[in-house]
Structures are given as C-alpha cells and as structure tokens.
C-alpha atoms as a PDB file:
ATOM      1  CA  MET A   1      11.007  13.981  -2.692  1.00  0.00           C
ATOM      2  CA  ASP A   2      10.819  17.661  -1.897  1.00  0.00           C
ATOM      3  CA  GLN A   3      13.392  19.663   0.092  1.00  0.00           C
ATOM      4  CA  PHE A   4      11.758  18.525   3.363  1.00  0.00           C
ATOM      5  CA  GLY A   5      12.053  14.832   2.530  1.00  0.00           C
ATOM      6  CA  TYR A   6       8.398  14.317   1.682  1.00  0.00           C
ATOM      7  CA  SER A   7       7.226  12.326  -1.252  1.00  0.00           C
ATOM      8  CA  LYS A   8       5.076  14.159  -3.749  1.00  0.00           C
ATOM      9  CA  PRO A   9       1.696  12.591  -4.604  1.00  0.00           C
ATOM     10  CA  SER A  10       1.928  10.329  -7.580  1.00  0.00           C
ATOM     11  CA  ASN A  11       0.069  11.384 -10.689  1.00  0.00           C
ATOM     12  CA  GLU A  12       1.425   8.537 -12.764  1.00  0.00           C
ATOM     13  CA  THR A  13      -0.818   6.556 -15.035  1.00  0.00           C
ATOM     14  CA  GLY A  14      -0.498   3.186 -16.657  1.00  0.00           C
ATOM     15  CA  ASN A  15       0.394  -0.225 -15.292  1.00  0.00           C
ATOM     16  CA  SER A  16       1.143   0.910 -11.738  1.00  0.00           C
ATOM     17  CA  ASN A  17      -2.330   2.429 -11.289  1.00  0.00           C
ATOM     18  CA  LEU A  18      -3.896  -0.554 -13.044  1.00  0.00           C
ATOM     19  CA  PHE A  19      -2.198  -2.837 -10.535  1.00  0.00           C
ATOM     20  CA  ILE A  20      -3.493  -0.760  -7.599  1.00  0.00           C
ATOM     21  CA  ASP A  21      -6.999  -0.734  -9.089  1.00  0.00           C
ATOM     22  CA  GLN A  22      -6.992  -4.515  -9.528  1.00  0.00           C
ATOM     23  CA  ILE A  23      -5.830  -5.118  -5.955  1.00  0.00           C
ATOM     24  CA  PHE A  24      -8.388  -2.622  -4.630  1.00  0.00           C
ATOM     25  CA  GLU A  25     -11.252  -4.258  -6.549  1.00  0.00           C
ATOM     26  CA  ARG A  26     -10.235  -7.715  -5.348  1.00  0.00           C
ATOM     27  CA  LEU A  27     -10.068  -6.496  -1.749  1.00  0.00           C
ATOM     28  CA  GLN A  28     -13.523  -4.897  -2.055  1.00  0.00           C
ATOM     29  CA  LYS A  29     -14.869  -8.230  -3.267  1.00  0.00           C
ATOM     30  CA  ASN A  30     -13.088 -10.255  -0.548  1.00  0.00           C
ATOM     31  CA  LEU A  31     -13.682  -7.809   2.336  1.00  0.00           C
ATOM     32  CA  PRO A  32     -17.169  -6.345   1.802  1.00  0.00           C
ATOM     33  CA  ASP A  33     -17.698  -5.484   5.477  1.00  0.00           C
ATOM     34  CA  LEU A  34     -14.552  -3.360   5.804  1.00  0.00           C
ATOM     35  CA  LYS A  35     -13.978   0.250   4.779  1.00  0.00           C
ATOM     36  CA  LEU A  36     -11.427   0.544   1.984  1.00  0.00           C
ATOM     37  CA  SER A  37      -9.931   3.758   0.599  1.00  0.00           C
ATOM     38  CA  LYS A  38      -7.398   4.464  -2.154  1.00  0.00           C
ATOM     39  CA  ASN A  39      -4.628   7.054  -2.408  1.00  0.00           C
ATOM     40  CA  ILE A  40      -4.623   8.128   1.239  1.00  0.00           C
ATOM     41  CA  GLU A  41      -2.242  10.883   2.341  1.00  0.00           C
ATOM     42  CA  PHE A  42      -0.598  10.599   5.746  1.00  0.00           C
ATOM     43  CA  GLY A  43       2.674  11.874   7.183  1.00  0.00           C
ATOM     44  CA  GLY A  44       3.701  13.570   3.969  1.00  0.00           C
ATOM     45  CA  TYR A  45       3.246  10.416   1.910  1.00  0.00           C
ATOM     46  CA  GLN A  46       0.534   8.985  -0.293  1.00  0.00           C
ATOM     47  CA  PHE A  47      -0.422   5.359   0.310  1.00  0.00           C
ATOM     48  CA  ASP A  48      -2.162   3.060  -2.130  1.00  0.00           C
ATOM     49  CA  ILE A  49      -4.882   1.393  -0.028  1.00  0.00           C
ATOM     50  CA  LEU A  50      -6.185   1.806   3.526  1.00  0.00           C
ATOM     51  CA  ILE A  51      -8.292  -0.925   5.144  1.00  0.00           C
ATOM     52  CA  GLU A  52     -10.181   0.039   8.306  1.00  0.00           C
ATOM     53  CA  LYS A  53     -11.620  -2.557  10.676  1.00  0.00           C
ATOM     54  CA  ASP A  54     -13.471  -1.677  13.880  1.00  0.00           C
ATOM     55  CA  GLY A  55     -11.514  -2.630  16.975  1.00  0.00           C
ATOM     56  CA  LYS A  56      -8.328  -3.463  15.057  1.00  0.00           C
ATOM     57  CA  LYS A  57      -5.385  -1.533  13.693  1.00  0.00           C
ATOM     58  CA  SER A  58      -5.949  -0.136  10.224  1.00  0.00           C
ATOM     59  CA  VAL A  59      -3.864  -1.736   7.500  1.00  0.00           C
ATOM     60  CA  VAL A  60      -2.051   0.220   4.806  1.00  0.00           C
ATOM     61  CA  VAL A  61      -1.359  -1.747   1.634  1.00  0.00           C
ATOM     62  CA  GLU A  62       1.341  -0.599  -0.745  1.00  0.00           C
ATOM     63  CA  CYS A  63       1.240  -2.100  -4.230  1.00  0.00           C
ATOM     64  CA  MET A  64       4.898  -2.334  -5.093  1.00  0.00           C
ATOM     65  CA  SER A  65       6.466  -2.449  -8.526  1.00  0.00           C
ATOM     66  CA  LYS A  66       9.949  -2.028  -9.929  1.00  0.00           C
ATOM     67  CA  LYS A  67       8.896   1.434 -11.079  1.00  0.00           C
ATOM     68  CA  LYS A  68       8.528   2.576  -7.455  1.00  0.00           C
ATOM     69  CA  TYR A  69      12.152   1.613  -6.849  1.00  0.00           C
ATOM     70  CA  ALA A  70      13.485   3.246 -10.012  1.00  0.00           C
ATOM     71  CA  ASP A  71      15.573   5.828  -8.177  1.00  0.00           C
ATOM     72  CA  GLU A  72      18.293   5.129  -5.628  1.00  0.00           C
ATOM     73  CA  LEU A  73      16.241   6.397  -2.664  1.00  0.00           C
ATOM     74  CA  GLY A  74      13.117   4.344  -3.384  1.00  0.00           C
ATOM     75  CA  TYR A  75      13.984   1.510  -1.007  1.00  0.00           C
ATOM     76  CA  LEU A  76      15.033   3.837   1.818  1.00  0.00           C
ATOM     77  CA  GLU A  77      11.909   5.929   1.374  1.00  0.00           C
ATOM     78  CA  ASP A  78       9.755   2.800   1.567  1.00  0.00           C
ATOM     79  CA  LEU A  79      11.417   1.703   4.811  1.00  0.00           C
ATOM     80  CA  HIS A  80      10.831   5.174   6.256  1.00  0.00           C
ATOM     81  CA  LYS A  81       7.173   5.113   5.204  1.00  0.00           C
ATOM     82  CA  GLU A  82       6.753   1.764   6.948  1.00  0.00           C
ATOM     83  CA  LYS A  83       8.320   3.095  10.147  1.00  0.00           C
ATOM     84  CA  VAL A  84       6.150   6.255  10.108  1.00  0.00           C
ATOM     85  CA  LEU A  85       3.004   4.142   9.762  1.00  0.00           C
ATOM     86  CA  GLU A  86       3.933   1.560  12.375  1.00  0.00           C
ATOM     87  CA  ASN A  87       4.895   4.292  14.862  1.00  0.00           C
ATOM     88  CA  SER A  88       1.469   5.827  14.232  1.00  0.00           C
ATOM     89  CA  GLY A  89      -0.408   2.601  15.007  1.00  0.00           C
ATOM     90  CA  PHE A  90      -0.983   1.200  11.506  1.00  0.00           C
ATOM     91  CA  GLU A  91      -0.123  -2.201  10.094  1.00  0.00           C
ATOM     92  CA  TYR A  92       1.850  -2.159   6.818  1.00  0.00           C
ATOM     93  CA  VAL A  93       1.743  -4.692   3.986  1.00  0.00           C
ATOM     94  CA  ARG A  94       3.606  -4.727   0.686  1.00  0.00           C
ATOM     95  CA  ILE A  95       2.022  -6.476  -2.281  1.00  0.00           C
ATOM     96  CA  TRP A  96       4.610  -7.049  -4.996  1.00  0.00           C
ATOM     97  CA  SER A  97       3.351  -6.912  -8.581  1.00  0.00           C
ATOM     98  CA  GLN A  98       5.591  -9.733  -9.788  1.00  0.00           C
ATOM     99  CA  ASN A  99       4.413 -12.037  -6.988  1.00  0.00           C
ATOM    100  CA  ALA A 100       0.776 -10.989  -7.414  1.00  0.00           C
ATOM    101  CA  TRP A 101       0.771 -11.865 -11.116  1.00  0.00           C
ATOM    102  CA  GLN A 102       2.106 -15.317 -10.244  1.00  0.00           C
ATOM    103  CA  ASN A 103      -0.097 -16.027  -7.190  1.00  0.00           C
ATOM    104  CA  LEU A 104      -2.469 -13.252  -6.132  1.00  0.00           C
ATOM    105  CA  ASP A 105      -4.144 -15.308  -3.400  1.00  0.00           C
ATOM    106  CA  ASN A 106      -0.798 -15.874  -1.709  1.00  0.00           C
ATOM    107  CA  GLU A 107      -0.039 -12.134  -1.718  1.00  0.00           C
ATOM    108  CA  LEU A 108      -3.497 -11.309  -0.353  1.00  0.00           C
ATOM    109  CA  GLN A 109      -2.909 -13.698   2.559  1.00  0.00           C
ATOM    110  CA  LYS A 110      -0.403 -11.140   3.895  1.00  0.00           C
ATOM    111  CA  ILE A 111      -3.295  -8.719   4.334  1.00  0.00           C
ATOM    112  CA  ASN A 112      -5.604 -11.315   5.861  1.00  0.00           C
ATOM    113  CA  LYS A 113      -2.986 -12.150   8.510  1.00  0.00           C
ATOM    114  CA  LYS A 114      -2.807  -8.485   9.546  1.00  0.00           C
ATOM    115  CA  LEU A 115      -6.597  -8.247   9.802  1.00  0.00           C
ATOM    116  CA  LEU A 116      -6.958 -11.213  12.205  1.00  0.00           C
END
C-alpha cells in the first residue's frame, strides 16, 4: 500500500495469475452472454474479474490465495476493498484457490447466486 492507503497494481506472475486466468476462462465459457473484464481498477484498487449484467448489479470476483494474505494487512485491506465496492453498488465474491482446486463448481455457485 502507498502512503495514501491505496494498493498498488499487482505485476506478479506465476500461480496467482494462472488461477485468475483459469477462473476467467471458465466464467467466459459458463457466462457467454455477459461482459467479463480482468484486472479492473476502481477506488485505488485493482480487482481480478468484473462481470457486468444488464439490469443487475455488476459483480467483482476476487481470486484469493494465501499469497494475497502474506502480509499482516492483507485481510484488513480485503475487507476494506469489499466495503468500497458494496458502497459503490457492486456485488463482491471471493473465490478461494484451495476450495476451487477441490470443487470449482461449488465456488462458482457463489457467483451465480449474485447474478440471479
């Protein structure tokens, strides 16, 4: 985070981006009629996936991993990001990597519930 409390855009590579890419590709396949975007910046943060549906609130999907919570402020920052989005009229969903590897369909149901 910078001196103003904003998260800097992530330029990391490796498993975290692979996880985001896999979730994004699966969502594109499952939701062909919706507009999906990756790495969206809003409110000083960068979010993994944005799903836009006409007439409904847009849904921001964060693909969470242990790496994102490596520092002591990771959890608090995530809670703040969620509050910023919800106060701005978005829905917020966390997809946890560990849960997704075990049962991806179950994790994706969280998104489907927000899109109904």
